[in-house]
Amino acid sequence: MTTTIFLNPQLLSLLLTTTFFHLFSSTAAIGVNYGMVADNLPSPADVANFIVTKTIFDSVKIFDTNPTILQAFANTNITMTVTVPNGEIPNLSNGGAAAWVNTNIRPFHPQTKIKYISVGNEVLLLNDPALSSVVVPAMRALTDALREAGPQFQDIKVTTAQAFNMFEGDTVPSLTRFRTDQKSYFEPLLQYLRETKSPLMVNPYPFYAVSAMETNVDFFIFRKTLGLLDGNSGKVYSNALDVLLDKTYSALLAAGFGDVDIVMSETGWPSAGDPGNVIATIDNAASYNGHLIRKIVSGIGTPLMPNRKFEAYIFGLFNENQKPGALFERNWGLFQPDFTPVYVSGALRDGPPPKLDNPDFTVIPRTNFCVPKPGVPDDQLQKNLDYACSQGADCSPIQPGAVCADPATVSSHAKYAMDSYFRTKGVDSACDFSGTGQITTVDPSK
């Protein structure tokens, strides 16, 4: 995606005074999700003016085709992603695509620069085969309707956003594959995306991963840690977002679609939660989104996709006070409804830079390792092995035929699994293993 250029003198002045941190690469893009599940938000016109004049965002994603919002962003050079709600997908695949384009796209584009249409959002999470089976037909019908509407509409790409329940099991990034029970969904979807040169949209949320695990939050919010080793590829990961992106890339590659681009359609971190929620905090949100912006702007890519430029849409623009569920659901916003920042993220053009613990996305060199104590019997080592592999250790490299499978002994496999578990948890107590583990400064893999 190219850098947006504003000709208005005031906007040009803002661009000239922007710090290096806020400079865009030639193809990376920082966007934001603009949700409206609230009763206290400013008008779309005021929001559009704020985004254009005050923020670094060059793209906006909405969860419908709200005409007032689309009108507000006309002639702003902000690119828009609009969404077909899940409930409207069957109608598009059943002859309704042309009418949908005439109502929701034709009156606005190209004055409002609609870049993507997302057909549904996280459809696989609904576990509704009848709905997922018509997603690709709806996408093809929309593409045909856009083509018939005229040449000015053919630059709009049609895609759909995926949640991270799309993978088979849980393994290291380089061995990740798409779900075999959803082959009939993914094969035609990826074929369509390749044919139309459209991206696969994904919604990576490290927040949900750390919330479901008893582990250190630092790895999930880009703070410096020992990192995570993919024993199959040998790549070391400094953060959870890279893990999720490389899982997506590996699944695409294994399916034969490594040329399909990846767009992060939603990612973010909530700044407040219910009592006892120590994950959804202002400090954690500032760390995640501040590093996220830095990462996208830097264009450094991931371990498996070095120097890859990504588009990313932060979730979300505002705290939305009418969203149902736990308190954190109402606290994803970078800004309050009066446009004041919830915390310093780096999203404001002339705002202070965020405090970043790990701006270069490096890991702490390992000096401590976990190994079994001498003389531990095989039955106990097997228990240690089973426990470590079931509690978050990366045990894929010691599976039959994998890179660390030999020697195929309980002692060798337990040593690998115990150290992997210790590295994942990042605390000395993770090497206890009922008193049978010990910390050493000698790398057991040497």
Protein backbone atom coordinates (compact mmCIF):
# COMPACT_ATOMS: atom_id res chain seq x y z
CA MET A 1 0.00 0.00 0.00
CA THR A 2 1.39 3.41 -0.92
CA THR A 3 1.83 6.30 1.48
CA THR A 4 -1.11 8.67 1.57
CA ILE A 5 -0.19 12.21 0.43
CA PHE A 6 -2.31 15.13 1.60
CA LEU A 7 -2.23 18.36 -0.43
CA ASN A 8 -3.93 20.53 2.16
CA PRO A 9 -1.20 22.94 3.48
CA GLN A 10 -2.06 22.31 7.13
CA LEU A 11 -1.87 18.56 6.65
CA LEU A 12 1.37 18.90 4.70
CA SER A 13 2.85 20.83 7.61
CA LEU A 14 1.83 18.07 9.98
CA LEU A 15 3.52 15.50 7.78
CA LEU A 16 6.74 17.47 7.59
CA THR A 17 6.98 17.68 11.37
CA THR A 18 6.19 14.01 11.98
CA THR A 19 8.94 12.07 13.72
CA PHE A 20 10.68 9.13 12.10
CA PHE A 21 8.67 6.77 14.30
CA HIS A 22 5.55 7.85 12.46
CA LEU A 23 6.88 7.48 8.91
CA PHE A 24 5.22 4.85 6.76
CA SER A 25 7.12 2.42 4.58
CA SER A 26 6.13 2.20 0.94
CA THR A 27 3.78 -0.73 1.44
CA ALA A 28 3.09 -1.05 5.17
CA ALA A 29 -0.09 0.53 6.46
CA ILE A 30 -1.56 1.29 9.85
CA GLY A 31 -5.33 1.27 9.97
CA VAL A 32 -7.93 1.24 12.71
CA ASN A 33 -11.24 -0.52 13.34
CA TYR A 34 -14.03 2.01 13.84
CA GLY A 35 -16.77 0.33 15.87
CA MET A 36 -19.95 2.08 16.94
CA VAL A 37 -21.44 -0.06 19.72
CA ALA A 38 -21.76 2.98 21.98
CA ASP A 39 -24.15 5.84 22.72
CA ASN A 40 -21.56 8.56 23.32
CA LEU A 41 -19.43 8.66 20.17
CA PRO A 42 -18.70 11.81 18.13
CA SER A 43 -20.21 12.27 14.69
CA PRO A 44 -18.63 10.39 11.79
CA ALA A 45 -17.67 13.75 10.24
CA ASP A 46 -15.73 14.70 13.36
CA VAL A 47 -14.15 11.25 13.48
CA ALA A 48 -13.02 11.51 9.86
CA ASN A 49 -11.49 14.93 10.49
CA PHE A 50 -9.72 13.63 13.59
CA ILE A 51 -8.25 10.63 11.81
CA VAL A 52 -7.07 12.70 8.85
CA THR A 53 -5.57 15.61 10.78
CA LYS A 54 -4.42 14.09 14.06
CA THR A 55 -3.54 10.41 13.64
CA ILE A 56 -1.12 8.25 11.67
CA PHE A 57 -3.92 6.08 10.28
CA ASP A 58 -4.27 5.89 6.51
CA SER A 59 -7.04 3.29 6.48
CA VAL A 60 -10.24 2.53 8.40
CA LYS A 61 -12.27 -0.66 8.75
CA ILE A 62 -15.95 -0.70 9.68
CA PHE A 63 -18.20 -3.64 10.48
CA ASP A 64 -20.99 -2.78 8.07
CA THR A 65 -21.57 -0.27 5.26
CA ASN A 66 -22.84 2.63 7.38
CA PRO A 67 -23.64 5.32 4.78
CA THR A 68 -22.99 8.23 7.15
CA ILE A 69 -19.49 6.94 7.84
CA LEU A 70 -18.78 6.31 4.16
CA GLN A 71 -19.96 9.82 3.27
CA ALA A 72 -17.80 11.30 6.04
CA PHE A 73 -14.64 9.78 4.56
CA ALA A 74 -15.27 10.99 1.01
CA ASN A 75 -12.35 12.89 -0.53
CA THR A 76 -10.08 12.24 2.49
CA ASN A 77 -7.65 9.75 0.84
CA ILE A 78 -8.38 7.36 3.72
CA THR A 79 -8.96 3.88 2.33
CA MET A 80 -11.92 1.96 3.71
CA THR A 81 -12.70 -1.66 4.44
CA VAL A 82 -16.41 -2.39 4.67
CA THR A 83 -18.01 -5.57 5.93
CA VAL A 84 -20.92 -7.72 4.84
CA PRO A 85 -22.51 -8.82 8.14
CA ASN A 86 -22.57 -12.58 8.58
CA GLY A 87 -26.35 -12.67 8.38
CA GLU A 88 -26.35 -11.09 4.92
CA ILE A 89 -23.94 -13.56 3.31
CA PRO A 90 -26.58 -16.10 2.10
CA ASN A 91 -28.46 -13.36 0.25
CA LEU A 92 -25.33 -12.42 -1.73
CA SER A 93 -24.79 -15.99 -2.86
CA ASN A 94 -28.46 -16.26 -3.84
CA GLY A 95 -28.74 -13.49 -6.41
CA GLY A 96 -28.54 -10.45 -4.15
CA ALA A 97 -24.98 -9.30 -4.90
CA ALA A 98 -25.80 -6.76 -7.61
CA ALA A 99 -28.45 -5.06 -5.46
CA TRP A 100 -26.03 -5.03 -2.52
CA VAL A 101 -23.36 -3.31 -4.61
CA ASN A 102 -25.87 -0.80 -5.98
CA THR A 103 -26.99 0.11 -2.46
CA ASN A 104 -23.77 -0.05 -0.46
CA ILE A 105 -20.86 0.59 -2.84
CA ARG A 106 -21.95 2.45 -5.97
CA PRO A 107 -23.16 5.64 -4.18
CA PHE A 108 -19.82 6.13 -2.41
CA HIS A 109 -16.87 4.77 -4.37
CA PRO A 110 -14.51 6.18 -5.64
CA GLN A 111 -15.11 9.45 -3.76
CA THR A 112 -14.78 7.30 -0.67
CA LYS A 113 -11.86 4.98 -1.42
CA ILE A 114 -13.24 1.53 -0.64
CA LYS A 115 -10.30 -0.87 -0.82
CA TYR A 116 -11.68 -4.10 0.63
CA ILE A 117 -15.03 -5.74 1.17
CA SER A 118 -14.90 -8.38 3.90
CA VAL A 119 -17.60 -10.97 3.39
CA GLY A 120 -18.45 -11.80 6.98
CA ASN A 121 -16.20 -11.85 10.01
CA GLU A 122 -14.79 -14.98 11.69
CA VAL A 123 -17.45 -17.20 10.15
CA LEU A 124 -15.79 -20.44 11.26
CA LEU A 125 -16.26 -19.44 14.91
CA LEU A 126 -20.02 -19.79 14.41
CA ASN A 127 -19.63 -23.52 13.60
CA ASP A 128 -22.37 -23.17 10.98
CA PRO A 129 -21.55 -25.31 7.91
CA ALA A 130 -24.53 -23.92 6.01
CA LEU A 131 -23.12 -20.40 6.38
CA SER A 132 -19.45 -21.20 5.79
CA SER A 133 -20.36 -23.11 2.62
CA VAL A 134 -21.76 -19.98 0.95
CA VAL A 135 -18.93 -17.57 1.85
CA VAL A 136 -16.88 -18.17 -1.30
CA PRO A 137 -19.94 -18.20 -3.60
CA ALA A 138 -20.93 -14.86 -2.07
CA MET A 139 -17.42 -13.51 -2.65
CA ARG A 140 -17.48 -14.58 -6.29
CA ALA A 141 -20.95 -13.08 -6.76
CA LEU A 142 -19.74 -9.78 -5.30
CA THR A 143 -16.71 -9.76 -7.59
CA ASP A 144 -18.96 -10.32 -10.61
CA ALA A 145 -21.32 -7.56 -9.43
CA LEU A 146 -18.43 -5.11 -9.02
CA ARG A 147 -17.18 -5.95 -12.50
CA GLU A 148 -20.62 -5.37 -13.97
CA ALA A 149 -20.96 -2.07 -12.09
CA GLY A 150 -18.14 -0.55 -14.11
CA PRO A 151 -14.36 -0.24 -14.34
CA GLN A 152 -14.16 2.19 -11.42
CA PHE A 153 -15.26 -0.60 -9.06
CA GLN A 154 -12.85 -3.31 -10.20
CA ASP A 155 -10.02 -2.14 -7.94
CA ILE A 156 -12.03 -3.19 -4.86
CA LYS A 157 -10.80 -6.49 -3.44
CA VAL A 158 -13.21 -8.98 -1.86
CA THR A 159 -12.00 -11.12 1.03
CA THR A 160 -13.12 -12.49 4.41
CA ALA A 161 -11.63 -12.28 7.92
CA GLN A 162 -10.53 -15.38 9.82
CA ALA A 163 -10.22 -16.07 13.53
CA PHE A 164 -7.39 -18.26 14.80
CA ASN A 165 -9.49 -21.38 15.14
CA MET A 166 -8.50 -22.13 11.55
CA PHE A 167 -5.53 -24.40 12.34
CA GLU A 168 -5.22 -28.13 12.92
CA GLY A 169 -4.18 -28.68 16.54
CA ASP A 170 -1.56 -26.56 18.28
CA THR A 171 2.02 -26.79 17.14
CA VAL A 172 5.03 -24.62 16.30
CA PRO A 173 4.69 -22.01 13.54
CA SER A 174 6.61 -23.90 10.86
CA LEU A 175 4.44 -27.05 11.21
CA THR A 176 1.05 -25.32 11.36
CA ARG A 177 -1.61 -26.47 8.89
CA PHE A 178 -5.20 -25.50 8.13
CA ARG A 179 -7.93 -27.63 9.67
CA THR A 180 -8.50 -30.81 7.71
CA ASP A 181 -12.20 -30.77 8.60
CA GLN A 182 -12.47 -27.40 6.81
CA LYS A 183 -10.71 -28.40 3.60
CA SER A 184 -13.87 -27.77 1.59
CA TYR A 185 -13.88 -24.21 2.96
CA PHE A 186 -10.20 -23.28 2.64
CA GLU A 187 -9.36 -24.74 -0.77
CA PRO A 188 -11.92 -22.73 -2.77
CA LEU A 189 -11.32 -19.67 -0.58
CA LEU A 190 -7.58 -19.64 -1.17
CA GLN A 191 -8.03 -20.39 -4.87
CA TYR A 192 -10.37 -17.40 -5.13
CA LEU A 193 -7.94 -15.13 -3.28
CA ARG A 194 -5.11 -16.16 -5.61
CA GLU A 195 -7.24 -15.62 -8.73
CA THR A 196 -8.28 -12.12 -7.65
CA LYS A 197 -4.97 -11.17 -5.98
CA SER A 198 -6.89 -10.49 -2.78
CA PRO A 199 -5.38 -10.93 0.69
CA LEU A 200 -6.35 -13.37 3.41
CA MET A 201 -7.57 -11.28 6.32
CA VAL A 202 -6.76 -12.63 9.79
CA ASN A 203 -7.53 -11.43 13.29
CA PRO A 204 -4.49 -12.21 15.49
CA TYR A 205 -5.20 -11.52 19.17
CA PRO A 206 -2.34 -12.55 21.49
CA PHE A 207 -4.53 -11.24 24.33
CA TYR A 208 -6.83 -14.24 24.05
CA ALA A 209 -3.91 -16.65 23.98
CA VAL A 210 -2.30 -15.33 27.17
CA SER A 211 -5.69 -15.11 28.90
CA ALA A 212 -6.13 -18.85 28.35
CA MET A 213 -2.64 -19.81 29.59
CA GLU A 214 -0.81 -19.62 32.88
CA THR A 215 2.25 -17.90 31.53
CA ASN A 216 4.21 -14.67 31.56
CA VAL A 217 2.43 -11.86 29.73
CA ASP A 218 5.66 -10.21 28.54
CA PHE A 219 6.06 -12.37 25.43
CA PHE A 220 2.53 -11.47 24.37
CA ILE A 221 3.00 -7.69 24.63
CA PHE A 222 6.42 -7.46 22.94
CA ARG A 223 8.51 -7.03 26.09
CA LYS A 224 11.94 -8.61 26.03
CA THR A 225 11.97 -12.27 27.06
CA LEU A 226 13.94 -15.42 26.33
CA GLY A 227 11.66 -15.87 23.38
CA LEU A 228 10.11 -19.02 21.93
CA LEU A 229 12.10 -21.54 19.92
CA ASP A 230 10.53 -23.31 16.96
CA GLY A 231 12.53 -26.51 17.20
CA ASN A 232 11.56 -27.53 13.66
CA SER A 233 12.69 -24.38 11.84
CA GLY A 234 15.30 -23.23 14.36
CA LYS A 235 13.67 -19.77 14.41
CA VAL A 236 13.45 -17.89 17.71
CA TYR A 237 10.37 -15.74 18.30
CA SER A 238 10.49 -12.56 20.35
CA ASN A 239 6.71 -12.09 20.49
CA ALA A 240 3.40 -13.87 20.12
CA LEU A 241 2.17 -11.85 17.15
CA ASP A 242 5.01 -13.16 15.00
CA VAL A 243 4.03 -16.68 16.06
CA LEU A 244 0.46 -16.17 14.85
CA LEU A 245 1.54 -14.57 11.56
CA ASP A 246 4.07 -17.30 10.80
CA LYS A 247 1.49 -19.96 11.61
CA THR A 248 -0.71 -18.38 8.97
CA TYR A 249 2.14 -18.24 6.46
CA SER A 250 3.17 -21.87 7.08
CA ALA A 251 -0.42 -23.04 6.64
CA LEU A 252 -0.70 -21.10 3.39
CA LEU A 253 2.62 -22.47 2.18
CA ALA A 254 1.72 -26.06 3.02
CA ALA A 255 -1.61 -25.68 1.23
CA GLY A 256 0.19 -24.42 -1.89
CA PHE A 257 -0.85 -20.79 -1.54
CA GLY A 258 2.26 -19.10 -0.17
CA ASP A 259 1.74 -16.26 -2.67
CA VAL A 260 -1.51 -15.13 -1.02
CA ASP A 261 -0.94 -11.93 0.96
CA ILE A 262 -1.81 -11.59 4.65
CA VAL A 263 -3.61 -8.58 6.16
CA MET A 264 -4.17 -8.18 9.90
CA SER A 265 -7.80 -7.04 9.90
CA GLU A 266 -8.03 -6.88 13.70
CA THR A 267 -5.45 -6.89 16.48
CA GLY A 268 -5.19 -5.01 19.75
CA TRP A 269 -5.23 -5.15 23.52
CA PRO A 270 -7.81 -3.94 26.07
CA SER A 271 -6.78 -1.40 28.68
CA ALA A 272 -9.13 -2.37 31.53
CA GLY A 273 -10.95 -5.41 32.83
CA ASP A 274 -13.03 -6.71 35.67
CA PRO A 275 -11.46 -7.00 39.16
CA GLY A 276 -8.86 -9.72 39.14
CA ASN A 277 -8.07 -9.34 35.43
CA VAL A 278 -4.36 -8.50 35.52
CA ILE A 279 -3.93 -8.94 31.75
CA ALA A 280 -6.24 -6.16 30.52
CA THR A 281 -4.35 -3.11 31.84
CA ILE A 282 -3.27 0.26 30.50
CA ASP A 283 0.42 -0.67 30.73
CA ASN A 284 -0.10 -3.89 28.78
CA ALA A 285 -2.27 -2.20 26.15
CA ALA A 286 0.28 0.59 25.71
CA SER A 287 3.08 -1.94 25.33
CA TYR A 288 1.22 -4.10 22.82
CA ASN A 289 -0.12 -1.35 20.57
CA GLY A 290 2.98 0.83 20.85
CA HIS A 291 5.23 -2.03 19.77
CA LEU A 292 2.70 -3.10 17.14
CA ILE A 293 2.81 0.31 15.46
CA ARG A 294 6.60 0.32 15.66
CA LYS A 295 6.74 -3.16 14.13
CA ILE A 296 4.46 -2.37 11.21
CA VAL A 297 6.19 0.93 10.44
CA SER A 298 9.64 -0.68 10.62
CA GLY A 299 8.74 -3.33 8.05
CA ILE A 300 10.98 -5.94 9.70
CA GLY A 301 8.53 -8.77 9.07
CA THR A 302 8.66 -12.05 10.99
CA PRO A 303 11.18 -14.89 11.37
CA LEU A 304 9.65 -16.78 8.42
CA MET A 305 8.76 -13.61 6.48
CA PRO A 306 11.72 -11.24 6.98
CA ASN A 307 11.24 -7.70 5.68
CA ARG A 308 7.60 -8.44 4.88
CA LYS A 309 5.44 -5.31 4.88
CA PHE A 310 2.03 -5.77 6.49
CA GLU A 311 -1.23 -3.90 6.64
CA ALA A 312 -2.66 -3.92 10.15
CA TYR A 313 -5.92 -2.57 11.55
CA ILE A 314 -5.79 -1.90 15.29
CA PHE A 315 -8.87 -2.76 17.29
CA GLY A 316 -10.18 -0.31 18.06
CA LEU A 317 -10.56 3.42 17.65
CA PHE A 318 -12.84 4.10 20.64
CA ASN A 319 -13.88 2.46 23.87
CA GLU A 320 -17.44 1.28 23.13
CA ASN A 321 -19.63 1.53 26.22
CA GLN A 322 -22.50 -0.64 25.01
CA LYS A 323 -20.58 -3.77 24.03
CA PRO A 324 -21.87 -6.77 25.97
CA GLY A 325 -19.77 -9.15 28.05
CA ALA A 326 -16.88 -8.64 30.43
CA LEU A 327 -15.51 -5.17 31.15
CA PHE A 328 -12.51 -5.62 28.86
CA GLU A 329 -14.88 -5.84 25.88
CA ARG A 330 -15.70 -2.16 26.39
CA ASN A 331 -12.08 -1.07 26.70
CA TRP A 332 -10.27 -1.90 23.46
CA GLY A 333 -10.13 1.72 22.30
CA LEU A 334 -7.06 3.86 21.71
CA PHE A 335 -9.21 6.94 22.37
CA GLN A 336 -12.07 8.06 24.54
CA PRO A 337 -15.15 9.44 22.76
CA ASP A 338 -13.82 12.99 23.31
CA PHE A 339 -10.67 12.03 21.32
CA THR A 340 -8.37 12.05 24.34
CA PRO A 341 -5.91 9.12 24.27
CA VAL A 342 -6.58 6.28 26.70
CA TYR A 343 -2.78 5.87 26.83
CA VAL A 344 0.25 6.78 24.74
CA SER A 345 0.41 4.41 21.76
CA GLY A 346 2.13 6.41 19.03
CA ALA A 347 -1.11 6.76 17.06
CA LEU A 348 -1.14 10.57 17.24
CA ARG A 349 0.93 12.41 14.66
CA ASP A 350 2.09 15.11 17.04
CA GLY A 351 1.74 13.11 20.25
CA PRO A 352 4.50 11.82 22.51
CA PRO A 353 6.24 8.61 21.46
CA PRO A 354 5.34 5.47 23.38
CA LYS A 355 7.72 3.92 25.88
CA LEU A 356 8.93 0.73 24.26
CA ASP A 357 10.72 -1.96 26.25
CA ASN A 358 11.90 -3.83 23.16
CA PRO A 359 11.87 -1.56 20.10
CA ASP A 360 14.26 -3.81 18.17
CA PHE A 361 12.25 -6.99 18.90
CA THR A 362 15.18 -8.98 20.25
CA VAL A 363 15.36 -11.73 22.87
CA ILE A 364 17.36 -12.11 26.05
CA PRO A 365 20.29 -14.50 25.47
CA ARG A 366 19.71 -17.71 27.40
CA THR A 367 22.01 -18.41 30.32
CA ASN A 368 19.88 -20.90 32.26
CA PHE A 369 18.53 -24.24 31.11
CA CYS A 370 16.41 -26.96 32.72
CA VAL A 371 17.56 -30.59 32.78
CA PRO A 372 16.67 -33.68 34.82
CA LYS A 373 18.70 -34.32 37.93
CA PRO A 374 21.08 -37.29 37.67
CA GLY A 375 19.51 -40.63 38.45
CA VAL A 376 15.87 -39.77 37.84
CA PRO A 377 14.14 -43.03 36.79
CA ASP A 378 12.49 -43.37 33.41
CA ASP A 379 8.97 -43.60 34.83
CA GLN A 380 9.36 -40.17 36.44
CA LEU A 381 11.00 -38.78 33.30
CA GLN A 382 7.98 -40.02 31.33
CA LYS A 383 5.69 -38.14 33.73
CA ASN A 384 7.81 -35.00 33.28
CA LEU A 385 7.67 -35.45 29.52
CA ASP A 386 3.90 -35.91 29.47
CA TYR A 387 3.32 -32.95 31.77
CA ALA A 388 5.58 -30.57 29.84
CA CYS A 389 4.08 -31.48 26.49
CA SER A 390 0.53 -31.04 27.80
CA GLN A 391 1.23 -27.68 29.45
CA GLY A 392 2.64 -25.58 26.64
CA ALA A 393 6.07 -27.03 25.82
CA ASP A 394 6.88 -27.31 22.12
CA CYS A 395 7.19 -31.07 21.72
CA SER A 396 6.75 -31.28 17.95
CA PRO A 397 10.53 -31.59 17.29
CA ILE A 398 10.67 -34.84 19.31
CA GLN A 399 7.80 -36.54 17.49
CA PRO A 400 8.70 -39.53 15.25
CA GLY A 401 10.57 -38.36 12.18
CA ALA A 402 11.07 -34.81 13.47
CA VAL A 403 14.41 -33.03 13.76
CA CYS A 404 15.05 -33.93 17.42
CA ALA A 405 13.37 -37.34 17.51
CA ASP A 406 16.67 -39.20 17.83
CA PRO A 407 17.82 -40.62 20.10
CA ALA A 408 14.34 -41.96 20.73
CA THR A 409 14.78 -42.42 24.48
CA VAL A 410 12.67 -41.21 27.38
CA SER A 411 15.74 -39.48 28.82
CA SER A 412 16.47 -37.51 25.65
CA HIS A 413 12.87 -36.55 25.02
CA ALA A 414 12.26 -35.56 28.65
CA LYS A 415 15.35 -33.36 28.65
CA TYR A 416 14.07 -31.55 25.54
CA ALA A 417 10.49 -31.17 26.82
CA MET A 418 11.49 -30.02 30.31
CA ASP A 419 13.74 -27.30 28.90
CA SER A 420 11.10 -26.23 26.38
CA TYR A 421 8.54 -25.93 29.18
CA PHE A 422 11.02 -23.99 31.32
CA ARG A 423 11.72 -21.59 28.46
CA THR A 424 8.03 -21.09 27.72
CA LYS A 425 7.10 -20.26 31.31
CA GLY A 426 10.14 -18.06 31.96
CA VAL A 427 10.31 -18.59 35.73
CA ASP A 428 12.71 -20.71 37.83
CA SER A 429 9.86 -22.62 39.47
CA ALA A 430 8.97 -24.10 36.06
CA CYS A 431 12.04 -26.36 36.39
CA ASP A 432 10.87 -28.08 39.56
CA PHE A 433 9.09 -31.12 38.11
CA SER A 434 8.33 -32.53 41.56
CA GLY A 435 11.93 -31.97 42.61
CA THR A 436 13.44 -33.89 39.69
CA GLY A 437 14.56 -30.92 37.57
CA GLN A 438 17.53 -28.63 38.02
CA ILE A 439 18.72 -25.40 36.44
CA THR A 440 22.10 -25.41 34.71
CA THR A 441 24.16 -22.94 32.72
CA VAL A 442 25.16 -25.63 30.23
CA ASP A 443 22.98 -25.77 27.10
CA PRO A 444 21.66 -29.36 26.93
CA SER A 445 21.36 -29.16 23.16
CA LYS A 446 25.12 -28.71 22.70
